[in-house]
Amino acid sequence: MRFVAGFITAIVLTVVAAAVVSVTGVYNVAATFPQSELERIILGNVMLHSVRAHSAHDVSKTWNEDQIREGFQEYNEMCVYCHGAPGRETSDIGRGLHPSPPNLAETAQRWKNSELFWIVKNGIDMTGMPAFGATHGDDTIWNIVGFVRQLPHLTAEDYSGMEERGTESHGHDTEPQEHH
């Protein structure tokens, strides 16, 4: 009986402490205030397991040059500001986010295709990563994933060349192709 009373007391005290922290403002939510190592570990694990649980089974995919080019154009318009690219540092926007957006050339290979797709489509709450599924179709999101898969293999010169070619052909939009 003592154990049950102690257990209930511990739960009540935890709930009361959480309520006090949430209404007093003692927990600093500023993007400039660094998270503790424990917070980083907990939130990182929650994000990792949530993405894995919600994404579809992985798919083996290949992308053609047009799809990679479309993925590059989308990445260059939306993603490079926060994630950077070979030869391109993150912008002031990306440097102001906390937690810092990952350099996808270094970290994207840890994720399966379906997980990257889910992240781009649904975003990651409280990180600054928006959900592009409301504004972009699945084919476009898959093309972004295809381009992100190329990032580790690109040099600064490769990326710059893609920007130049993208600027030259900017007026020639094509319909996205169906990929499954």
N, C-alpha and C. Protein backbone atom coordinates (compact mmCIF):
# COMPACT_ATOMS: atom_id res chain seq x y z
N MET A 1 0.82 -1.19 0.00
CA MET A 1 0.00 0.00 0.00
C MET A 1 0.87 1.26 0.00
N ARG A 2 1.98 1.21 0.75
CA ARG A 2 2.88 2.36 0.80
C ARG A 2 3.45 2.67 -0.58
N PHE A 3 3.76 1.59 -1.35
CA PHE A 3 4.32 1.77 -2.68
C PHE A 3 3.32 2.51 -3.57
N VAL A 4 2.06 2.10 -3.53
CA VAL A 4 1.03 2.73 -4.36
C VAL A 4 0.86 4.20 -3.96
N ALA A 5 0.85 4.48 -2.68
CA ALA A 5 0.72 5.87 -2.22
C ALA A 5 1.92 6.70 -2.67
N GLY A 6 3.11 6.13 -2.57
CA GLY A 6 4.31 6.83 -3.02
C GLY A 6 4.30 7.06 -4.52
N PHE A 7 3.83 6.07 -5.26
CA PHE A 7 3.75 6.19 -6.72
C PHE A 7 2.76 7.28 -7.11
N ILE A 8 1.61 7.30 -6.50
CA ILE A 8 0.59 8.32 -6.78
C ILE A 8 1.12 9.70 -6.40
N THR A 9 1.79 9.81 -5.28
CA THR A 9 2.37 11.08 -4.86
C THR A 9 3.40 11.57 -5.88
N ALA A 10 4.24 10.67 -6.38
CA ALA A 10 5.24 11.04 -7.38
C ALA A 10 4.58 11.54 -8.66
N ILE A 11 3.52 10.91 -9.08
CA ILE A 11 2.80 11.34 -10.29
C ILE A 11 2.18 12.71 -10.06
N VAL A 12 1.53 12.90 -8.93
CA VAL A 12 0.91 14.19 -8.62
C VAL A 12 1.96 15.30 -8.59
N LEU A 13 3.10 15.05 -7.93
CA LEU A 13 4.16 16.05 -7.86
C LEU A 13 4.73 16.37 -9.25
N THR A 14 4.87 15.37 -10.11
CA THR A 14 5.36 15.58 -11.47
C THR A 14 4.38 16.45 -12.26
N VAL A 15 3.10 16.17 -12.14
CA VAL A 15 2.08 16.97 -12.84
C VAL A 15 2.07 18.40 -12.32
N VAL A 16 2.15 18.57 -11.01
CA VAL A 16 2.17 19.91 -10.42
C VAL A 16 3.43 20.66 -10.88
N ALA A 17 4.58 20.01 -10.86
CA ALA A 17 5.83 20.66 -11.30
C ALA A 17 5.73 21.07 -12.76
N ALA A 18 5.19 20.19 -13.61
CA ALA A 18 5.02 20.52 -15.03
C ALA A 18 4.08 21.70 -15.21
N ALA A 19 3.01 21.75 -14.42
CA ALA A 19 2.08 22.87 -14.51
C ALA A 19 2.74 24.18 -14.06
N VAL A 20 3.51 24.12 -12.99
CA VAL A 20 4.20 25.32 -12.49
C VAL A 20 5.19 25.82 -13.54
N VAL A 21 5.96 24.92 -14.13
CA VAL A 21 6.94 25.31 -15.16
C VAL A 21 6.22 25.92 -16.36
N SER A 22 5.09 25.35 -16.76
CA SER A 22 4.40 25.84 -17.95
C SER A 22 3.72 27.18 -17.74
N VAL A 23 3.28 27.51 -16.54
CA VAL A 23 2.58 28.78 -16.34
C VAL A 23 3.45 29.90 -15.80
N THR A 24 4.63 29.56 -15.28
CA THR A 24 5.49 30.60 -14.72
C THR A 24 6.45 31.19 -15.75
N GLY A 25 6.65 30.49 -16.87
CA GLY A 25 7.59 30.98 -17.87
C GLY A 25 9.03 30.73 -17.50
N VAL A 26 9.29 29.89 -16.51
CA VAL A 26 10.65 29.63 -16.07
C VAL A 26 11.45 28.89 -17.14
N TYR A 27 10.79 28.10 -17.97
CA TYR A 27 11.49 27.40 -19.05
C TYR A 27 11.69 28.37 -20.21
N ASN A 28 12.92 28.58 -20.60
CA ASN A 28 13.25 29.55 -21.64
C ASN A 28 13.08 28.90 -23.02
N VAL A 29 12.13 29.42 -23.81
CA VAL A 29 11.87 28.87 -25.14
C VAL A 29 12.54 29.69 -26.24
N ALA A 30 13.39 30.64 -25.88
CA ALA A 30 14.06 31.47 -26.88
C ALA A 30 14.94 30.62 -27.78
N ALA A 31 14.92 30.92 -29.08
CA ALA A 31 15.76 30.20 -30.03
C ALA A 31 17.24 30.46 -29.77
N THR A 32 17.56 31.49 -29.02
CA THR A 32 18.95 31.80 -28.72
C THR A 32 19.45 31.10 -27.46
N PHE A 33 18.57 30.47 -26.73
CA PHE A 33 18.94 29.78 -25.49
C PHE A 33 19.26 28.32 -25.82
N PRO A 34 20.47 27.87 -25.58
CA PRO A 34 20.84 26.50 -25.98
C PRO A 34 20.10 25.45 -25.16
N GLN A 35 19.81 24.36 -25.84
CA GLN A 35 19.20 23.23 -25.16
C GLN A 35 20.27 22.47 -24.39
N SER A 36 19.85 21.81 -23.35
CA SER A 36 20.78 20.95 -22.62
C SER A 36 21.03 19.69 -23.45
N GLU A 37 22.08 18.99 -23.10
CA GLU A 37 22.39 17.73 -23.79
C GLU A 37 21.24 16.74 -23.63
N LEU A 38 20.64 16.69 -22.45
CA LEU A 38 19.50 15.80 -22.21
C LEU A 38 18.33 16.15 -23.12
N GLU A 39 18.02 17.45 -23.24
CA GLU A 39 16.94 17.88 -24.13
C GLU A 39 17.23 17.48 -25.57
N ARG A 40 18.47 17.68 -26.02
CA ARG A 40 18.83 17.32 -27.40
C ARG A 40 18.66 15.82 -27.63
N ILE A 41 19.08 15.04 -26.67
CA ILE A 41 18.96 13.58 -26.81
C ILE A 41 17.49 13.17 -26.84
N ILE A 42 16.72 13.68 -25.90
CA ILE A 42 15.30 13.30 -25.83
C ILE A 42 14.56 13.74 -27.08
N LEU A 43 14.69 15.02 -27.44
CA LEU A 43 13.95 15.53 -28.60
C LEU A 43 14.44 14.88 -29.90
N GLY A 44 15.73 14.63 -30.01
CA GLY A 44 16.26 13.97 -31.19
C GLY A 44 15.71 12.56 -31.34
N ASN A 45 15.63 11.83 -30.23
CA ASN A 45 15.07 10.48 -30.27
C ASN A 45 13.58 10.48 -30.57
N VAL A 46 12.87 11.44 -30.00
CA VAL A 46 11.43 11.54 -30.27
C VAL A 46 11.21 11.79 -31.76
N MET A 47 11.98 12.74 -32.33
CA MET A 47 11.84 13.05 -33.75
C MET A 47 12.19 11.84 -34.61
N LEU A 48 13.30 11.19 -34.34
CA LEU A 48 13.74 10.04 -35.12
C LEU A 48 12.68 8.94 -35.12
N HIS A 49 12.20 8.58 -33.96
CA HIS A 49 11.24 7.48 -33.87
C HIS A 49 9.87 7.88 -34.43
N SER A 50 9.49 9.14 -34.30
CA SER A 50 8.24 9.59 -34.88
C SER A 50 8.28 9.53 -36.40
N VAL A 51 9.37 10.01 -36.99
CA VAL A 51 9.50 9.97 -38.45
C VAL A 51 9.47 8.53 -38.93
N ARG A 52 10.22 7.67 -38.27
CA ARG A 52 10.24 6.26 -38.68
C ARG A 52 8.88 5.60 -38.55
N ALA A 53 8.15 5.94 -37.50
CA ALA A 53 6.83 5.33 -37.29
C ALA A 53 5.79 5.84 -38.29
N HIS A 54 5.91 7.08 -38.72
CA HIS A 54 4.89 7.67 -39.59
C HIS A 54 5.20 7.59 -41.07
N SER A 55 6.44 7.34 -41.43
CA SER A 55 6.77 7.26 -42.85
C SER A 55 6.42 5.87 -43.38
N ALA A 56 6.19 5.82 -44.67
CA ALA A 56 5.84 4.55 -45.31
C ALA A 56 7.07 3.64 -45.35
N HIS A 57 6.83 2.42 -45.73
CA HIS A 57 7.97 1.51 -45.95
C HIS A 57 8.88 2.13 -46.99
N ASP A 58 10.16 1.90 -46.84
CA ASP A 58 11.11 2.51 -47.76
C ASP A 58 10.90 2.00 -49.17
N VAL A 59 11.18 2.88 -50.10
CA VAL A 59 11.07 2.54 -51.50
C VAL A 59 12.43 2.73 -52.15
N SER A 60 12.77 1.79 -53.01
CA SER A 60 13.98 1.93 -53.79
C SER A 60 13.60 2.80 -54.98
N LYS A 61 14.26 3.93 -55.11
CA LYS A 61 13.89 4.88 -56.15
C LYS A 61 15.10 5.32 -56.94
N THR A 62 14.84 5.63 -58.17
CA THR A 62 15.84 6.29 -59.00
C THR A 62 15.17 7.50 -59.61
N TRP A 63 15.98 8.47 -59.95
CA TRP A 63 15.48 9.70 -60.52
C TRP A 63 16.22 9.97 -61.82
N ASN A 64 15.50 10.50 -62.82
CA ASN A 64 16.17 10.86 -64.06
C ASN A 64 16.69 12.30 -63.96
N GLU A 65 17.41 12.75 -64.96
CA GLU A 65 18.03 14.08 -64.92
C GLU A 65 17.00 15.20 -64.76
N ASP A 66 15.86 15.08 -65.44
CA ASP A 66 14.83 16.13 -65.33
C ASP A 66 14.28 16.20 -63.91
N GLN A 67 14.09 15.06 -63.27
CA GLN A 67 13.57 15.04 -61.91
C GLN A 67 14.60 15.62 -60.93
N ILE A 68 15.87 15.29 -61.13
CA ILE A 68 16.93 15.85 -60.28
C ILE A 68 16.99 17.36 -60.49
N ARG A 69 16.87 17.81 -61.72
CA ARG A 69 16.91 19.25 -62.02
C ARG A 69 15.74 19.96 -61.35
N GLU A 70 14.54 19.37 -61.41
CA GLU A 70 13.38 19.98 -60.74
C GLU A 70 13.60 19.98 -59.23
N GLY A 71 14.13 18.88 -58.69
CA GLY A 71 14.42 18.83 -57.25
C GLY A 71 15.43 19.89 -56.86
N PHE A 72 16.45 20.08 -57.70
CA PHE A 72 17.43 21.14 -57.44
C PHE A 72 16.77 22.51 -57.42
N GLN A 73 15.92 22.79 -58.40
CA GLN A 73 15.27 24.11 -58.46
C GLN A 73 14.44 24.36 -57.21
N GLU A 74 13.70 23.36 -56.76
CA GLU A 74 12.91 23.51 -55.53
C GLU A 74 13.83 23.70 -54.33
N TYR A 75 14.86 22.88 -54.23
CA TYR A 75 15.81 22.99 -53.12
C TYR A 75 16.45 24.37 -53.11
N ASN A 76 16.88 24.83 -54.27
CA ASN A 76 17.56 26.12 -54.37
C ASN A 76 16.64 27.29 -54.05
N GLU A 77 15.34 27.13 -54.27
CA GLU A 77 14.38 28.18 -53.97
C GLU A 77 13.91 28.15 -52.52
N MET A 78 13.89 26.97 -51.89
CA MET A 78 13.27 26.85 -50.58
C MET A 78 14.19 26.38 -49.47
N CYS A 79 15.12 25.50 -49.76
CA CYS A 79 15.83 24.77 -48.73
C CYS A 79 17.23 25.31 -48.43
N VAL A 80 17.90 25.84 -49.45
CA VAL A 80 19.30 26.23 -49.32
C VAL A 80 19.49 27.31 -48.26
N TYR A 81 18.49 28.12 -48.01
CA TYR A 81 18.61 29.21 -47.03
C TYR A 81 18.86 28.69 -45.62
N CYS A 82 18.26 27.57 -45.31
CA CYS A 82 18.42 27.00 -43.98
C CYS A 82 19.46 25.88 -43.94
N HIS A 83 19.49 25.04 -44.98
CA HIS A 83 20.35 23.86 -44.97
C HIS A 83 21.68 24.06 -45.67
N GLY A 84 21.81 25.13 -46.44
CA GLY A 84 23.05 25.33 -47.18
C GLY A 84 23.18 24.32 -48.30
N ALA A 85 24.34 24.35 -48.96
CA ALA A 85 24.64 23.45 -50.08
C ALA A 85 26.14 23.53 -50.32
N PRO A 86 26.67 22.66 -51.13
CA PRO A 86 28.11 22.75 -51.43
C PRO A 86 28.46 24.15 -51.95
N GLY A 87 29.34 24.83 -51.24
CA GLY A 87 29.75 26.18 -51.62
C GLY A 87 28.78 27.26 -51.20
N ARG A 88 27.69 26.89 -50.54
CA ARG A 88 26.69 27.87 -50.09
C ARG A 88 26.44 27.71 -48.59
N GLU A 89 26.78 28.74 -47.85
CA GLU A 89 26.52 28.74 -46.42
C GLU A 89 25.02 28.96 -46.18
N THR A 90 24.56 28.61 -45.00
CA THR A 90 23.18 28.92 -44.65
C THR A 90 23.05 30.44 -44.54
N SER A 91 21.85 30.92 -44.76
CA SER A 91 21.59 32.36 -44.68
C SER A 91 21.37 32.76 -43.23
N ASP A 92 21.11 34.04 -43.03
CA ASP A 92 20.78 34.54 -41.68
C ASP A 92 19.57 33.81 -41.11
N ILE A 93 18.64 33.44 -41.97
CA ILE A 93 17.46 32.70 -41.52
C ILE A 93 17.88 31.38 -40.89
N GLY A 94 18.69 30.62 -41.60
CA GLY A 94 19.15 29.33 -41.10
C GLY A 94 19.99 29.44 -39.85
N ARG A 95 20.84 30.47 -39.80
CA ARG A 95 21.68 30.65 -38.62
C ARG A 95 20.87 31.09 -37.40
N GLY A 96 19.68 31.63 -37.63
CA GLY A 96 18.84 32.07 -36.52
C GLY A 96 17.92 30.99 -35.98
N LEU A 97 17.89 29.84 -36.60
CA LEU A 97 17.02 28.77 -36.15
C LEU A 97 17.70 27.93 -35.07
N HIS A 98 16.89 27.49 -34.13
CA HIS A 98 17.40 26.63 -33.07
C HIS A 98 16.37 25.55 -32.81
N PRO A 99 16.65 24.31 -32.96
CA PRO A 99 17.97 23.78 -33.26
C PRO A 99 18.40 24.13 -34.69
N SER A 100 19.70 24.13 -34.91
CA SER A 100 20.25 24.47 -36.21
C SER A 100 19.82 23.44 -37.24
N PRO A 101 19.42 23.90 -38.43
CA PRO A 101 19.07 22.94 -39.48
C PRO A 101 20.30 22.13 -39.89
N PRO A 102 20.13 20.85 -40.14
CA PRO A 102 21.29 20.04 -40.50
C PRO A 102 21.80 20.36 -41.90
N ASN A 103 23.09 20.14 -42.11
CA ASN A 103 23.68 20.21 -43.43
C ASN A 103 23.29 18.89 -44.11
N LEU A 104 22.40 18.96 -45.07
CA LEU A 104 21.85 17.74 -45.65
C LEU A 104 22.86 16.94 -46.46
N ALA A 105 23.90 17.60 -46.95
CA ALA A 105 24.96 16.86 -47.65
C ALA A 105 25.64 15.89 -46.69
N GLU A 106 25.63 16.21 -45.42
CA GLU A 106 26.27 15.35 -44.41
C GLU A 106 25.28 14.41 -43.72
N THR A 107 24.04 14.84 -43.51
CA THR A 107 23.13 14.06 -42.66
C THR A 107 22.02 13.32 -43.38
N ALA A 108 21.68 13.70 -44.58
CA ALA A 108 20.52 13.10 -45.25
C ALA A 108 20.70 11.61 -45.52
N GLN A 109 21.93 11.16 -45.64
CA GLN A 109 22.16 9.76 -45.95
C GLN A 109 21.79 8.84 -44.78
N ARG A 110 21.57 9.42 -43.61
CA ARG A 110 21.14 8.61 -42.46
C ARG A 110 19.66 8.24 -42.55
N TRP A 111 18.94 8.92 -43.43
CA TRP A 111 17.49 8.72 -43.55
C TRP A 111 17.17 7.88 -44.78
N LYS A 112 16.12 7.10 -44.69
CA LYS A 112 15.60 6.36 -45.85
C LYS A 112 14.86 7.34 -46.75
N ASN A 113 14.66 6.94 -48.00
CA ASN A 113 13.92 7.79 -48.95
C ASN A 113 12.54 8.17 -48.41
N SER A 114 11.82 7.18 -47.89
CA SER A 114 10.46 7.44 -47.41
C SER A 114 10.48 8.38 -46.20
N GLU A 115 11.53 8.31 -45.39
CA GLU A 115 11.63 9.19 -44.22
C GLU A 115 11.91 10.63 -44.65
N LEU A 116 12.82 10.80 -45.62
CA LEU A 116 13.06 12.16 -46.14
C LEU A 116 11.79 12.71 -46.76
N PHE A 117 11.09 11.90 -47.52
CA PHE A 117 9.83 12.33 -48.14
C PHE A 117 8.86 12.79 -47.05
N TRP A 118 8.72 12.00 -45.99
CA TRP A 118 7.78 12.34 -44.92
C TRP A 118 8.18 13.65 -44.25
N ILE A 119 9.48 13.84 -44.01
CA ILE A 119 9.95 15.07 -43.37
C ILE A 119 9.64 16.29 -44.24
N VAL A 120 9.95 16.21 -45.53
CA VAL A 120 9.69 17.35 -46.42
C VAL A 120 8.19 17.60 -46.52
N LYS A 121 7.41 16.56 -46.61
CA LYS A 121 5.96 16.72 -46.77
C LYS A 121 5.29 17.25 -45.49
N ASN A 122 5.71 16.74 -44.33
CA ASN A 122 5.02 17.05 -43.08
C ASN A 122 5.73 18.04 -42.17
N GLY A 123 7.00 18.31 -42.43
CA GLY A 123 7.77 19.21 -41.57
C GLY A 123 8.08 18.57 -40.23
N ILE A 124 8.81 19.30 -39.42
CA ILE A 124 9.15 18.84 -38.07
C ILE A 124 8.75 19.95 -37.10
N ASP A 125 7.82 19.65 -36.26
CA ASP A 125 7.27 20.62 -35.32
C ASP A 125 8.36 21.24 -34.44
N MET A 126 8.27 22.53 -34.23
CA MET A 126 9.12 23.29 -33.32
C MET A 126 10.59 23.30 -33.71
N THR A 127 10.89 23.13 -35.01
CA THR A 127 12.28 23.19 -35.46
C THR A 127 12.48 24.24 -36.54
N GLY A 128 11.42 24.76 -37.09
CA GLY A 128 11.53 25.68 -38.22
C GLY A 128 11.38 24.96 -39.55
N MET A 129 11.34 23.62 -39.54
CA MET A 129 11.17 22.86 -40.78
C MET A 129 9.70 22.85 -41.15
N PRO A 130 9.35 23.60 -42.24
CA PRO A 130 7.94 23.68 -42.61
C PRO A 130 7.45 22.41 -43.31
N ALA A 131 6.15 22.26 -43.36
CA ALA A 131 5.51 21.17 -44.09
C ALA A 131 5.21 21.65 -45.50
N PHE A 132 5.87 21.06 -46.49
CA PHE A 132 5.67 21.48 -47.87
C PHE A 132 4.56 20.70 -48.56
N GLY A 133 3.97 19.73 -47.90
CA GLY A 133 2.89 18.94 -48.49
C GLY A 133 1.65 19.76 -48.80
N ALA A 134 1.44 20.85 -48.08
CA ALA A 134 0.27 21.69 -48.33
C ALA A 134 0.44 22.53 -49.60
N THR A 135 1.67 22.72 -50.03
CA THR A 135 1.93 23.60 -51.18
C THR A 135 2.60 22.89 -52.35
N HIS A 136 3.04 21.67 -52.15
CA HIS A 136 3.77 20.93 -53.18
C HIS A 136 3.22 19.52 -53.30
N GLY A 137 3.10 19.06 -54.53
CA GLY A 137 2.61 17.71 -54.77
C GLY A 137 3.66 16.66 -54.44
N ASP A 138 3.21 15.42 -54.33
CA ASP A 138 4.10 14.32 -53.99
C ASP A 138 5.24 14.16 -55.00
N ASP A 139 4.94 14.33 -56.29
CA ASP A 139 5.99 14.19 -57.31
C ASP A 139 7.10 15.21 -57.08
N THR A 140 6.73 16.43 -56.78
CA THR A 140 7.73 17.48 -56.53
C THR A 140 8.54 17.15 -55.29
N ILE A 141 7.88 16.67 -54.25
CA ILE A 141 8.58 16.31 -53.02
C ILE A 141 9.55 15.16 -53.28
N TRP A 142 9.13 14.17 -54.06
CA TRP A 142 10.04 13.07 -54.41
C TRP A 142 11.26 13.60 -55.17
N ASN A 143 11.06 14.59 -56.03
CA ASN A 143 12.18 15.16 -56.77
C ASN A 143 13.15 15.87 -55.84
N ILE A 144 12.63 16.54 -54.82
CA ILE A 144 13.49 17.17 -53.82
C ILE A 144 14.32 16.10 -53.11
N VAL A 145 13.67 15.00 -52.74
CA VAL A 145 14.39 13.89 -52.10
C VAL A 145 15.48 13.38 -53.04
N GLY A 146 15.17 13.24 -54.32
CA GLY A 146 16.16 12.80 -55.29
C GLY A 146 17.35 13.72 -55.35
N PHE A 147 17.09 15.03 -55.33
CA PHE A 147 18.20 15.97 -55.35
C PHE A 147 19.01 15.90 -54.04
N VAL A 148 18.33 15.80 -52.92
CA VAL A 148 19.04 15.72 -51.63
C VAL A 148 19.96 14.50 -51.63
N ARG A 149 19.55 13.42 -52.28
CA ARG A 149 20.40 12.24 -52.38
C ARG A 149 21.69 12.53 -53.15
N GLN A 150 21.66 13.55 -54.03
CA GLN A 150 22.84 13.91 -54.81
C GLN A 150 23.80 14.83 -54.06
N LEU A 151 23.32 15.52 -53.04
CA LEU A 151 24.13 16.53 -52.35
C LEU A 151 25.52 16.05 -51.90
N PRO A 152 25.65 14.86 -51.32
CA PRO A 152 26.99 14.45 -50.86
C PRO A 152 28.00 14.30 -51.99
N HIS A 153 27.53 14.17 -53.21
CA HIS A 153 28.40 13.93 -54.36
C HIS A 153 28.71 15.21 -55.14
N LEU A 154 28.13 16.34 -54.71
CA LEU A 154 28.30 17.59 -55.45
C LEU A 154 29.41 18.44 -54.85
N THR A 155 30.15 19.10 -55.72
CA THR A 155 31.14 20.08 -55.28
C THR A 155 30.50 21.46 -55.35
N ALA A 156 31.19 22.43 -54.82
CA ALA A 156 30.71 23.81 -54.91
C ALA A 156 30.56 24.21 -56.38
N GLU A 157 31.48 23.77 -57.22
CA GLU A 157 31.42 24.10 -58.66
C GLU A 157 30.21 23.43 -59.31
N ASP A 158 29.92 22.19 -58.92
CA ASP A 158 28.74 21.50 -59.45
C ASP A 158 27.47 22.28 -59.11
N TYR A 159 27.36 22.67 -57.85
CA TYR A 159 26.16 23.38 -57.41
C TYR A 159 26.03 24.72 -58.13
N SER A 160 27.12 25.44 -58.21
CA SER A 160 27.12 26.73 -58.91
C SER A 160 26.71 26.55 -60.38
N GLY A 161 27.22 25.51 -61.02
CA GLY A 161 26.86 25.23 -62.40
C GLY A 161 25.38 24.92 -62.55
N MET A 162 24.82 24.20 -61.60
CA MET A 162 23.39 23.91 -61.63
C MET A 162 22.59 25.20 -61.48
N GLU A 163 23.05 26.10 -60.63
CA GLU A 163 22.38 27.40 -60.48
C GLU A 163 22.40 28.16 -61.79
N GLU A 164 23.55 28.19 -62.45
CA GLU A 164 23.67 28.91 -63.72
C GLU A 164 22.76 28.30 -64.77
N ARG A 165 22.75 26.98 -64.88
CA ARG A 165 21.87 26.32 -65.85
C ARG A 165 20.40 26.54 -65.50
N GLY A 166 20.08 26.55 -64.19
CA GLY A 166 18.71 26.79 -63.77
C GLY A 166 18.24 28.18 -64.11
N THR A 167 19.12 29.16 -64.00
CA THR A 167 18.80 30.54 -64.35
C THR A 167 18.57 30.68 -65.84
N GLU A 168 19.39 29.97 -66.64
CA GLU A 168 19.26 30.05 -68.10
C GLU A 168 17.94 29.46 -68.57
N SER A 169 17.47 28.40 -67.91
CA SER A 169 16.25 27.73 -68.39
C SER A 169 15.05 28.01 -67.51
N HIS A 170 15.12 29.07 -66.69
CA HIS A 170 14.06 29.34 -65.71
C HIS A 170 12.69 29.52 -66.34
N GLY A 171 12.60 30.04 -67.51
CA GLY A 171 11.29 30.28 -68.13
C GLY A 171 10.68 29.07 -68.76
N HIS A 172 11.32 27.91 -68.70
CA HIS A 172 10.84 26.72 -69.39
C HIS A 172 10.32 25.69 -68.40
N ASP A 173 9.20 25.96 -67.77
CA ASP A 173 8.63 25.04 -66.80
C ASP A 173 8.04 23.83 -67.51
N THR A 174 8.17 22.68 -66.90
CA THR A 174 7.57 21.46 -67.44
C THR A 174 6.67 20.86 -66.39
N GLU A 175 5.74 20.05 -66.84
CA GLU A 175 4.84 19.37 -65.92
C GLU A 175 5.61 18.30 -65.16
N PRO A 176 5.38 18.19 -63.87
CA PRO A 176 6.03 17.10 -63.14
C PRO A 176 5.56 15.76 -63.65
N GLN A 177 6.44 14.78 -63.63
CA GLN A 177 6.09 13.44 -64.08
C GLN A 177 5.66 12.60 -62.89
N GLU A 178 4.86 11.59 -63.16
CA GLU A 178 4.40 10.67 -62.14
C GLU A 178 5.51 9.68 -61.80
N HIS A 179 5.82 9.48 -60.52
CA HIS A 179 6.87 8.53 -60.10
C HIS A 179 6.32 7.65 -59.00
N HIS A 180 6.40 6.40 -59.19
CA HIS A 180 5.99 5.48 -58.11
C HIS A 180 6.86 4.27 -58.07
